Amino acid sequence: MSQTMALDELKKLASPALRHAELVNLVRIENSPSEVQRVAAARWPRRQAKAARFLAMLRRDHGDDVFETFVATTNRARSPREGVEHVRGG
């Protein structure tokens, strides 16, 4: 496989992040997948932080249009209030 992951694999690995609008928005504003994971890990469990990293990789490797289409078609990103029980306290 090439250095960039296949789109279908990234979609599968990124899908847990789509349940949380806050993570999707983080990916929209941060360019680095590593930085996305670092920031997400401060508030979210490891699984969601890693999924946000994969979502950022999808955006970086396949472009904004593919990213936005993926987010829109899954239609699973919820408002930040709906995912509060998954956010770490602090």
PDB file of N, CA and C in Angstrom:
ATOM      1  N   MET A   1       0.856  -1.168   0.000  1.00  0.00           N
ATOM      2  CA  MET A   1       0.000   0.000   0.000  1.00  0.00           C
ATOM      3  C   MET A   1       0.906   1.236   0.000  1.00  0.00           C
ATOM      4  N   SER A   2       0.435   2.322  -0.581  1.00  0.00           N
ATOM      5  CA  SER A   2       1.200   3.560  -0.620  1.00  0.00           C
ATOM      6  C   SER A   2       1.250   4.177   0.774  1.00  0.00           C
ATOM      7  N   GLN A   3       2.024   5.293   0.880  1.00  0.00           N
ATOM      8  CA  GLN A   3       2.142   5.957   2.173  1.00  0.00           C
ATOM      9  C   GLN A   3       0.809   6.507   2.651  1.00  0.00           C
ATOM     10  N   THR A   4      -0.029   6.965   1.752  1.00  0.00           N
ATOM     11  CA  THR A   4      -1.341   7.451   2.167  1.00  0.00           C
ATOM     12  C   THR A   4      -2.299   6.266   2.236  1.00  0.00           C
ATOM     13  N   MET A   5      -3.134   6.293   3.239  1.00  0.00           N
ATOM     14  CA  MET A   5      -4.099   5.210   3.414  1.00  0.00           C
ATOM     15  C   MET A   5      -5.208   5.340   2.380  1.00  0.00           C
ATOM     16  N   ALA A   6      -5.798   4.215   2.045  1.00  0.00           N
ATOM     17  CA  ALA A   6      -6.926   4.213   1.123  1.00  0.00           C
ATOM     18  C   ALA A   6      -8.104   4.950   1.761  1.00  0.00           C
ATOM     19  N   LEU A   7      -8.861   5.615   0.929  1.00  0.00           N
ATOM     20  CA  LEU A   7      -9.992   6.409   1.397  1.00  0.00           C
ATOM     21  C   LEU A   7     -10.978   5.570   2.198  1.00  0.00           C
ATOM     22  N   ASP A   8     -11.312   4.397   1.736  1.00  0.00           N
ATOM     23  CA  ASP A   8     -12.277   3.551   2.448  1.00  0.00           C
ATOM     24  C   ASP A   8     -11.776   3.170   3.842  1.00  0.00           C
ATOM     25  N   GLU A   9     -10.480   2.902   3.968  1.00  0.00           N
ATOM     26  CA  GLU A   9      -9.913   2.557   5.271  1.00  0.00           C
ATOM     27  C   GLU A   9      -9.958   3.766   6.213  1.00  0.00           C
ATOM     28  N   LEU A  10      -9.623   4.941   5.699  1.00  0.00           N
ATOM     29  CA  LEU A  10      -9.684   6.150   6.522  1.00  0.00           C
ATOM     30  C   LEU A  10     -11.113   6.440   6.979  1.00  0.00           C
ATOM     31  N   LYS A  11     -12.070   6.245   6.096  1.00  0.00           N
ATOM     32  CA  LYS A  11     -13.474   6.474   6.465  1.00  0.00           C
ATOM     33  C   LYS A  11     -13.880   5.552   7.613  1.00  0.00           C
ATOM     34  N   LYS A  12     -13.483   4.313   7.522  1.00  0.00           N
ATOM     35  CA  LYS A  12     -13.822   3.344   8.571  1.00  0.00           C
ATOM     36  C   LYS A  12     -13.196   3.743   9.910  1.00  0.00           C
ATOM     37  N   LEU A  13     -11.913   4.110   9.875  1.00  0.00           N
ATOM     38  CA  LEU A  13     -11.209   4.455  11.104  1.00  0.00           C
ATOM     39  C   LEU A  13     -11.656   5.805  11.680  1.00  0.00           C
ATOM     40  N   ALA A  14     -12.109   6.706  10.827  1.00  0.00           N
ATOM     41  CA  ALA A  14     -12.514   8.049  11.251  1.00  0.00           C
ATOM     42  C   ALA A  14     -13.956   8.112  11.737  1.00  0.00           C
ATOM     43  N   SER A  15     -14.761   7.146  11.408  1.00  0.00           N
ATOM     44  CA  SER A  15     -16.199   7.231  11.680  1.00  0.00           C
ATOM     45  C   SER A  15     -16.570   7.498  13.146  1.00  0.00           C
ATOM     46  N   PRO A  16     -15.840   6.986  14.163  1.00  0.00           N
ATOM     47  CA  PRO A  16     -16.234   7.323  15.540  1.00  0.00           C
ATOM     48  C   PRO A  16     -16.161   8.826  15.847  1.00  0.00           C
ATOM     49  N   ALA A  17     -15.317   9.557  15.165  1.00  0.00           N
ATOM     50  CA  ALA A  17     -15.203  11.006  15.400  1.00  0.00           C
ATOM     51  C   ALA A  17     -16.408  11.762  14.873  1.00  0.00           C
ATOM     52  N   LEU A  18     -17.097  11.198  13.911  1.00  0.00           N
ATOM     53  CA  LEU A  18     -18.218  11.891  13.284  1.00  0.00           C
ATOM     54  C   LEU A  18     -19.421  12.030  14.204  1.00  0.00           C
ATOM     55  N   ARG A  19     -19.433  11.320  15.295  1.00  0.00           N
ATOM     56  CA  ARG A  19     -20.543  11.421  16.249  1.00  0.00           C
ATOM     57  C   ARG A  19     -20.476  12.699  17.075  1.00  0.00           C
ATOM     58  N   HIS A  20     -19.377  13.432  16.946  1.00  0.00           N
ATOM     59  CA  HIS A  20     -19.134  14.590  17.805  1.00  0.00           C
ATOM     60  C   HIS A  20     -18.755  15.803  16.964  1.00  0.00           C
ATOM     61  N   ALA A  21     -19.648  16.770  16.906  1.00  0.00           N
ATOM     62  CA  ALA A  21     -19.425  17.970  16.101  1.00  0.00           C
ATOM     63  C   ALA A  21     -18.152  18.697  16.533  1.00  0.00           C
ATOM     64  N   GLU A  22     -17.825  18.659  17.807  1.00  0.00           N
ATOM     65  CA  GLU A  22     -16.622  19.331  18.290  1.00  0.00           C
ATOM     66  C   GLU A  22     -15.362  18.761  17.633  1.00  0.00           C
ATOM     67  N   LEU A  23     -15.313  17.443  17.477  1.00  0.00           N
ATOM     68  CA  LEU A  23     -14.155  16.820  16.834  1.00  0.00           C
ATOM     69  C   LEU A  23     -14.110  17.137  15.348  1.00  0.00           C
ATOM     70  N   VAL A  24     -15.257  17.109  14.699  1.00  0.00           N
ATOM     71  CA  VAL A  24     -15.310  17.459  13.271  1.00  0.00           C
ATOM     72  C   VAL A  24     -14.835  18.891  13.072  1.00  0.00           C
ATOM     73  N   ASN A  25     -15.275  19.800  13.923  1.00  0.00           N
ATOM     74  CA  ASN A  25     -14.863  21.193  13.812  1.00  0.00           C
ATOM     75  C   ASN A  25     -13.375  21.367  14.100  1.00  0.00           C
ATOM     76  N   LEU A  26     -12.835  20.591  15.018  1.00  0.00           N
ATOM     77  CA  LEU A  26     -11.395  20.630  15.286  1.00  0.00           C
ATOM     78  C   LEU A  26     -10.620  20.269  14.026  1.00  0.00           C
ATOM     79  N   VAL A  27     -11.065  19.246  13.326  1.00  0.00           N
ATOM     80  CA  VAL A  27     -10.402  18.835  12.088  1.00  0.00           C
ATOM     81  C   VAL A  27     -10.513  19.935  11.032  1.00  0.00           C
ATOM     82  N   ARG A  28     -11.613  20.664  11.026  1.00  0.00           N
ATOM     83  CA  ARG A  28     -11.781  21.766  10.064  1.00  0.00           C
ATOM     84  C   ARG A  28     -10.778  22.898  10.297  1.00  0.00           C
ATOM     85  N   ILE A  29     -10.365  23.117  11.542  1.00  0.00           N
ATOM     86  CA  ILE A  29      -9.495  24.257  11.818  1.00  0.00           C
ATOM     87  C   ILE A  29      -8.026  23.895  11.997  1.00  0.00           C
ATOM     88  N   GLU A  30      -7.725  22.643  12.247  1.00  0.00           N
ATOM     89  CA  GLU A  30      -6.342  22.215  12.493  1.00  0.00           C
ATOM     90  C   GLU A  30      -5.846  21.379  11.321  1.00  0.00           C
ATOM     91  N   ASN A  31      -4.669  21.715  10.800  1.00  0.00           N
ATOM     92  CA  ASN A  31      -4.140  21.029   9.617  1.00  0.00           C
ATOM     93  C   ASN A  31      -3.377  19.743   9.916  1.00  0.00           C
ATOM     94  N   SER A  32      -2.801  19.624  11.070  1.00  0.00           N
ATOM     95  CA  SER A  32      -1.943  18.488  11.389  1.00  0.00           C
ATOM     96  C   SER A  32      -2.723  17.367  12.083  1.00  0.00           C
ATOM     97  N   PRO A  33      -2.708  16.159  11.507  1.00  0.00           N
ATOM     98  CA  PRO A  33      -3.363  15.037  12.187  1.00  0.00           C
ATOM     99  C   PRO A  33      -2.806  14.770  13.579  1.00  0.00           C
ATOM    100  N   SER A  34      -1.509  14.918  13.755  1.00  0.00           N
ATOM    101  CA  SER A  34      -0.911  14.704  15.079  1.00  0.00           C
ATOM    102  C   SER A  34      -1.410  15.735  16.080  1.00  0.00           C
ATOM    103  N   GLU A  35      -1.518  16.980  15.643  1.00  0.00           N
ATOM    104  CA  GLU A  35      -2.006  18.037  16.525  1.00  0.00           C
ATOM    105  C   GLU A  35      -3.483  17.828  16.848  1.00  0.00           C
ATOM    106  N   VAL A  36      -4.258  17.383  15.873  1.00  0.00           N
ATOM    107  CA  VAL A  36      -5.670  17.074  16.120  1.00  0.00           C
ATOM    108  C   VAL A  36      -5.776  16.022  17.218  1.00  0.00           C
ATOM    109  N   GLN A  37      -4.978  14.970  17.122  1.00  0.00           N
ATOM    110  CA  GLN A  37      -5.035  13.919  18.129  1.00  0.00           C
ATOM    111  C   GLN A  37      -4.595  14.441  19.495  1.00  0.00           C
ATOM    112  N   ARG A  38      -3.554  15.255  19.528  1.00  0.00           N
ATOM    113  CA  ARG A  38      -3.068  15.802  20.792  1.00  0.00           C
ATOM    114  C   ARG A  38      -4.134  16.660  21.470  1.00  0.00           C
ATOM    115  N   VAL A  39      -4.751  17.544  20.712  1.00  0.00           N
ATOM    116  CA  VAL A  39      -5.785  18.422  21.265  1.00  0.00           C
ATOM    117  C   VAL A  39      -7.006  17.601  21.685  1.00  0.00           C
ATOM    118  N   ALA A  40      -7.415  16.669  20.848  1.00  0.00           N
ATOM    119  CA  ALA A  40      -8.588  15.851  21.156  1.00  0.00           C
ATOM    120  C   ALA A  40      -8.356  14.989  22.395  1.00  0.00           C
ATOM    121  N   ALA A  41      -7.145  14.489  22.564  1.00  0.00           N
ATOM    122  CA  ALA A  41      -6.839  13.612  23.701  1.00  0.00           C
ATOM    123  C   ALA A  41      -6.956  14.324  25.045  1.00  0.00           C
ATOM    124  N   ALA A  42      -6.875  15.639  25.024  1.00  0.00           N
ATOM    125  CA  ALA A  42      -7.007  16.388  26.268  1.00  0.00           C
ATOM    126  C   ALA A  42      -8.437  16.378  26.804  1.00  0.00           C
ATOM    127  N   ARG A  43      -9.401  16.132  25.921  1.00  0.00           N
ATOM    128  CA  ARG A  43     -10.816  16.162  26.330  1.00  0.00           C
ATOM    129  C   ARG A  43     -11.582  14.884  26.050  1.00  0.00           C
ATOM    130  N   TRP A  44     -11.089  14.066  25.159  1.00  0.00           N
ATOM    131  CA  TRP A  44     -11.851  12.915  24.688  1.00  0.00           C
ATOM    132  C   TRP A  44     -11.111  11.618  24.984  1.00  0.00           C
ATOM    133  N   PRO A  45     -11.837  10.515  25.087  1.00  0.00           N
ATOM    134  CA  PRO A  45     -11.192   9.207  25.245  1.00  0.00           C
ATOM    135  C   PRO A  45     -10.304   8.882  24.035  1.00  0.00           C
ATOM    136  N   ARG A  46      -9.378   7.988  24.244  1.00  0.00           N
ATOM    137  CA  ARG A  46      -8.387   7.623  23.222  1.00  0.00           C
ATOM    138  C   ARG A  46      -9.034   7.243  21.889  1.00  0.00           C
ATOM    139  N   ARG A  47     -10.111   6.498  21.931  1.00  0.00           N
ATOM    140  CA  ARG A  47     -10.748   6.036  20.688  1.00  0.00           C
ATOM    141  C   ARG A  47     -11.210   7.217  19.822  1.00  0.00           C
ATOM    142  N   GLN A  48     -11.848   8.198  20.438  1.00  0.00           N
ATOM    143  CA  GLN A  48     -12.316   9.356  19.685  1.00  0.00           C
ATOM    144  C   GLN A  48     -11.145  10.217  19.217  1.00  0.00           C
ATOM    145  N   ALA A  49     -10.110  10.347  20.044  1.00  0.00           N
ATOM    146  CA  ALA A  49      -8.937  11.138  19.658  1.00  0.00           C
ATOM    147  C   ALA A  49      -8.243  10.515  18.446  1.00  0.00           C
ATOM    148  N   LYS A  50      -8.102   9.189  18.451  1.00  0.00           N
ATOM    149  CA  LYS A  50      -7.495   8.515  17.303  1.00  0.00           C
ATOM    150  C   LYS A  50      -8.376   8.637  16.063  1.00  0.00           C
ATOM    151  N   ALA A  51      -9.675   8.527  16.241  1.00  0.00           N
ATOM    152  CA  ALA A  51     -10.590   8.666  15.111  1.00  0.00           C
ATOM    153  C   ALA A  51     -10.498  10.071  14.523  1.00  0.00           C
ATOM    154  N   ALA A  52     -10.349  11.072  15.384  1.00  0.00           N
ATOM    155  CA  ALA A  52     -10.185  12.451  14.894  1.00  0.00           C
ATOM    156  C   ALA A  52      -8.899  12.576  14.093  1.00  0.00           C
ATOM    157  N   ARG A  53      -7.845  11.907  14.524  1.00  0.00           N
ATOM    158  CA  ARG A  53      -6.590  11.910  13.763  1.00  0.00           C
ATOM    159  C   ARG A  53      -6.806  11.316  12.372  1.00  0.00           C
ATOM    160  N   PHE A  54      -7.521  10.203  12.293  1.00  0.00           N
ATOM    161  CA  PHE A  54      -7.773   9.593  10.989  1.00  0.00           C
ATOM    162  C   PHE A  54      -8.649  10.492  10.119  1.00  0.00           C
ATOM    163  N   LEU A  55      -9.589  11.192  10.733  1.00  0.00           N
ATOM    164  CA  LEU A  55     -10.419  12.131   9.984  1.00  0.00           C
ATOM    165  C   LEU A  55      -9.553  13.270   9.433  1.00  0.00           C
ATOM    166  N   ALA A  56      -8.601  13.733  10.220  1.00  0.00           N
ATOM    167  CA  ALA A  56      -7.673  14.770   9.745  1.00  0.00           C
ATOM    168  C   ALA A  56      -6.782  14.236   8.618  1.00  0.00           C
ATOM    169  N   MET A  57      -6.390  12.983   8.712  1.00  0.00           N
ATOM    170  CA  MET A  57      -5.605  12.372   7.639  1.00  0.00           C
ATOM    171  C   MET A  57      -6.426  12.290   6.353  1.00  0.00           C
ATOM    172  N   LEU A  58      -7.697  11.954   6.480  1.00  0.00           N
ATOM    173  CA  LEU A  58      -8.589  11.906   5.327  1.00  0.00           C
ATOM    174  C   LEU A  58      -8.633  13.275   4.654  1.00  0.00           C
ATOM    175  N   ARG A  59      -8.806  14.310   5.456  1.00  0.00           N
ATOM    176  CA  ARG A  59      -8.862  15.678   4.914  1.00  0.00           C
ATOM    177  C   ARG A  59      -7.543  16.048   4.240  1.00  0.00           C
ATOM    178  N   ARG A  60      -6.436  15.765   4.911  1.00  0.00           N
ATOM    179  CA  ARG A  60      -5.112  16.105   4.367  1.00  0.00           C
ATOM    180  C   ARG A  60      -4.821  15.352   3.058  1.00  0.00           C
ATOM    181  N   ASP A  61      -5.083  14.054   3.053  1.00  0.00           N
ATOM    182  CA  ASP A  61      -4.697  13.215   1.919  1.00  0.00           C
ATOM    183  C   ASP A  61      -5.668  13.261   0.750  1.00  0.00           C
ATOM    184  N   HIS A  62      -6.944  13.554   1.035  1.00  0.00           N
ATOM    185  CA  HIS A  62      -7.958  13.470  -0.024  1.00  0.00           C
ATOM    186  C   HIS A  62      -8.672  14.792  -0.294  1.00  0.00           C
ATOM    187  N   GLY A  63      -8.391  15.811   0.495  1.00  0.00           N
ATOM    188  CA  GLY A  63      -8.897  17.148   0.209  1.00  0.00           C
ATOM    189  C   GLY A  63     -10.158  17.525   0.970  1.00  0.00           C
ATOM    190  N   ASP A  64     -10.385  18.844   0.982  1.00  0.00           N
ATOM    191  CA  ASP A  64     -11.532  19.397   1.703  1.00  0.00           C
ATOM    192  C   ASP A  64     -12.868  18.927   1.138  1.00  0.00           C
ATOM    193  N   ASP A  65     -12.962  18.812  -0.184  1.00  0.00           N
ATOM    194  CA  ASP A  65     -14.235  18.402  -0.783  1.00  0.00           C
ATOM    195  C   ASP A  65     -14.618  16.990  -0.361  1.00  0.00           C
ATOM    196  N   VAL A  66     -13.670  16.076  -0.380  1.00  0.00           N
ATOM    197  CA  VAL A  66     -13.938  14.694   0.036  1.00  0.00           C
ATOM    198  C   VAL A  66     -14.294  14.670   1.526  1.00  0.00           C
ATOM    199  N   PHE A  67     -13.553  15.424   2.322  1.00  0.00           N
ATOM    200  CA  PHE A  67     -13.821  15.509   3.756  1.00  0.00           C
ATOM    201  C   PHE A  67     -15.244  16.001   4.022  1.00  0.00           C
ATOM    202  N   GLU A  68     -15.610  17.131   3.421  1.00  0.00           N
ATOM    203  CA  GLU A  68     -16.933  17.716   3.666  1.00  0.00           C
ATOM    204  C   GLU A  68     -18.055  16.800   3.152  1.00  0.00           C
ATOM    205  N   THR A  69     -17.829  16.147   2.036  1.00  0.00           N
ATOM    206  CA  THR A  69     -18.827  15.203   1.518  1.00  0.00           C
ATOM    207  C   THR A  69     -18.998  14.027   2.468  1.00  0.00           C
ATOM    208  N   PHE A  70     -17.894  13.509   2.978  1.00  0.00           N
ATOM    209  CA  PHE A  70     -17.947  12.399   3.930  1.00  0.00           C
ATOM    210  C   PHE A  70     -18.714  12.799   5.190  1.00  0.00           C
ATOM    211  N   VAL A  71     -18.407  13.967   5.727  1.00  0.00           N
ATOM    212  CA  VAL A  71     -19.084  14.448   6.934  1.00  0.00           C
ATOM    213  C   VAL A  71     -20.572  14.643   6.657  1.00  0.00           C
ATOM    214  N   ALA A  72     -20.901  15.264   5.531  1.00  0.00           N
ATOM    215  CA  ALA A  72     -22.300  15.560   5.203  1.00  0.00           C
ATOM    216  C   ALA A  72     -23.104  14.290   4.922  1.00  0.00           C
ATOM    217  N   THR A  73     -22.526  13.336   4.228  1.00  0.00           N
ATOM    218  CA  THR A  73     -23.277  12.138   3.850  1.00  0.00           C
ATOM    219  C   THR A  73     -23.484  11.195   5.022  1.00  0.00           C
ATOM    220  N   THR A  74     -22.577  11.206   5.987  1.00  0.00           N
ATOM    221  CA  THR A  74     -22.797  10.344   7.144  1.00  0.00           C
ATOM    222  C   THR A  74     -23.841  10.947   8.055  1.00  0.00           C
ATOM    223  N   ASN A  75     -23.899  12.291   8.078  1.00  0.00           N
ATOM    224  CA  ASN A  75     -24.925  13.017   8.830  1.00  0.00           C
ATOM    225  C   ASN A  75     -25.015  12.541  10.277  1.00  0.00           C
ATOM    226  N   ARG A  76     -23.843  12.203  10.859  1.00  0.00           N
ATOM    227  CA  ARG A  76     -23.840  11.699  12.229  1.00  0.00           C
ATOM    228  C   ARG A  76     -23.218  12.670  13.209  1.00  0.00           C
ATOM    229  N   ALA A  77     -22.601  13.744  12.706  1.00  0.00           N
ATOM    230  CA  ALA A  77     -22.009  14.711  13.632  1.00  0.00           C
ATOM    231  C   ALA A  77     -23.135  15.407  14.388  1.00  0.00           C
ATOM    232  N   ARG A  78     -23.059  15.363  15.700  1.00  0.00           N
ATOM    233  CA  ARG A  78     -24.114  15.934  16.529  1.00  0.00           C
ATOM    234  C   ARG A  78     -23.643  17.219  17.150  1.00  0.00           C
ATOM    235  N   SER A  79     -24.563  17.908  17.754  1.00  0.00           N
ATOM    236  CA  SER A  79     -24.183  19.133  18.452  1.00  0.00           C
ATOM    237  C   SER A  79     -23.305  18.768  19.639  1.00  0.00           C
ATOM    238  N   PRO A  80     -22.447  19.692  20.091  1.00  0.00           N
ATOM    239  CA  PRO A  80     -21.559  19.382  21.222  1.00  0.00           C
ATOM    240  C   PRO A  80     -22.307  18.937  22.475  1.00  0.00           C
ATOM    241  N   ARG A  81     -23.492  19.432  22.719  1.00  0.00           N
ATOM    242  CA  ARG A  81     -24.242  19.033  23.914  1.00  0.00           C
ATOM    243  C   ARG A  81     -24.621  17.557  23.905  1.00  0.00           C
ATOM    244  N   GLU A  82     -24.828  16.986  22.736  1.00  0.00           N
ATOM    245  CA  GLU A  82     -25.264  15.599  22.660  1.00  0.00           C
ATOM    246  C   GLU A  82     -24.151  14.624  22.985  1.00  0.00           C
ATOM    247  N   GLY A  83     -22.880  15.035  22.937  1.00  0.00           N
ATOM    248  CA  GLY A  83     -21.773  14.128  23.210  1.00  0.00           C
ATOM    249  C   GLY A  83     -21.103  14.386  24.539  1.00  0.00           C
ATOM    250  N   VAL A  84     -21.713  15.185  25.384  1.00  0.00           N
ATOM    251  CA  VAL A  84     -21.076  15.591  26.624  1.00  0.00           C
ATOM    252  C   VAL A  84     -20.715  14.415  27.512  1.00  0.00           C
ATOM    253  N   GLU A  85     -21.514  13.370  27.517  1.00  0.00           N
ATOM    254  CA  GLU A  85     -21.220  12.259  28.400  1.00  0.00           C
ATOM    255  C   GLU A  85     -19.935  11.545  28.007  1.00  0.00           C
ATOM    256  N   HIS A  86     -19.418  11.791  26.805  1.00  0.00           N
ATOM    257  CA  HIS A  86     -18.196  11.154  26.347  1.00  0.00           C
ATOM    258  C   HIS A  86     -16.953  12.010  26.594  1.00  0.00           C
ATOM    259  N   VAL A  87     -17.159  13.245  26.972  1.00  0.00           N
ATOM    260  CA  VAL A  87     -16.054  14.176  27.188  1.00  0.00           C
ATOM    261  C   VAL A  87     -15.494  13.956  28.580  1.00  0.00           C
ATOM    262  N   ARG A  88     -14.165  13.997  28.664  1.00  0.00           N
ATOM    263  CA  ARG A  88     -13.530  13.868  29.970  1.00  0.00           C
ATOM    264  C   ARG A  88     -13.797  15.104  30.795  1.00  0.00           C
ATOM    265  N   GLY A  89     -13.967  14.926  32.067  1.00  0.00           N
ATOM    266  CA  GLY A  89     -14.132  16.060  32.967  1.00  0.00           C
ATOM    267  C   GLY A  89     -12.842  16.831  33.111  1.00  0.00           C
ATOM    268  N   GLY A  90     -12.958  18.083  33.511  1.00  0.00           N
ATOM    269  CA  GLY A  90     -11.717  18.813  33.705  1.00  0.00           C
ATOM    270  C   GLY A  90     -11.917  20.217  33.651  1.00  0.00           C
TER     271      GLY A  90
END
